[in-house]
Amino acid sequence: MYKLVLSAIASLLLVLTPPVEARVKAKARAERAVGAGKAKKHVVVKSRVQRREIALRPAAENRNTMVRRTVMVRGKRKLVYQRVIVAASLPERVRQSAGDLAGLNQTRDPLDLKSNVAFVLDQNNAEVLFEKNANIALPIASITKLMTGLIVVEARQDLDEVLTVTEDDVDHEKFTSSRLRVGSQMTRANLLHIALMSSENRAAAALARNYPGGVAGFVAAMNAKAYQLGMHDTRYVDSSGLSSRNVASARDLAKLAMFAYNEPLLRQYSTDPKSTVDAGGRLMHYNNTNYLVAMPDWDIGLQKTGFINEAGRCLVMQTVIQGRAVIMVFLDSKGKQSRTADAGRMRRWLEALRPPGLT
């Protein structure tokens, strides 16, 4: 009986337990299934990473950066690291100047100038040597300060008088900054110096405010002088040129430069490469906005630069090229160095036009 029971149990185990080979095959099938699942999951993760990379690819300058941050967890500080994406900066929006809006950028010239307007004449005989859109009135930015300087000098005001910069001299037109702080005290001569040399806007504003009749009287004097000089395309509304309503043609500005050249102080102050001035016990160092004045191969007797978005880069300059004194005017130039580059192009053209030694 006992043997019979053992035989029955053994038979039952054989029926219920699969063969070893079957178990091995089943295990292999299970492992393959698990492996396939993991592989499938891995592919999905990789795909997400690829999609993320593709999304970032158009911004070539985008980069991942680890940032360390301190956070509070249950009342305790904890240091964590987070990955952030620093996006590439958007390209600067191109602003059109008044000249561009008038279509002047479509005008071509033989020198391929970058200025929409150019005018060059012989200072001694007023012969026009080159012109491009020279009769069109455009915003002139800080070229305005050349007339500002002329009005101050002709008024024969005390150049040693100490003036104070006030809140009224702060730029509320373009909200530009200034190193000349409210409350600074400076002589009229130093204010005129940095207005012409470094195009200091608050200095120009303070000069106008301390003129007989104040700013209104000063602007009226500017327009009266322009009329006297035959600058019929010119209009001034402030002494700094921050307003785009200060307009003139290149031909008018050449007249102004020729007349202003007769004032030695304007020649000196506008062409000094740099200067240190006293602002009420505080020494301030200023440089010329036109780097050409410090170049040994340039002989510049008078100059003024200017820039606001509406005007582009501007330059008025008296210089001597191979013994010939000329007045150059460049308005609405694109690019920080383009106006001086245009002056170089014009100089080379004049040198080729007139051989050395020819009078």
Foldseek 3Di string as FASTA:
>chain_A
DVVVVVVVVVVVCPVVDDDPVVVVVVVVVVVVVVVVVVVVVVVVVVVVVVVVCVVQVVQVPKDKDKDWDWDADPNDIDIDIDIDIDGDDDDDDQFDALCVVVVLVVDADPLRALFSWKWKAFLPPRHTDDTHQQADKFQAFQLLLLLLLVLLVVVVPDQQDKFFQAPQLQDPLPRDDAPQDHGWIFGLLVLNLCCQFVVGRSSQQRSQQPDVVGVVVSQVVSVVVLVVLVQVSFHDDGRRSSDRVGIGGNVSSLSSVSVSLVDQSQQVSNLDQKDWGGGPNDIDIGGGLDNVSVDPVWAWRHKGWGDDSNKATWMWTWTAALNTIMIMTGIRGHDSCSVVVSVVSVNVVVCVVDPHPHD
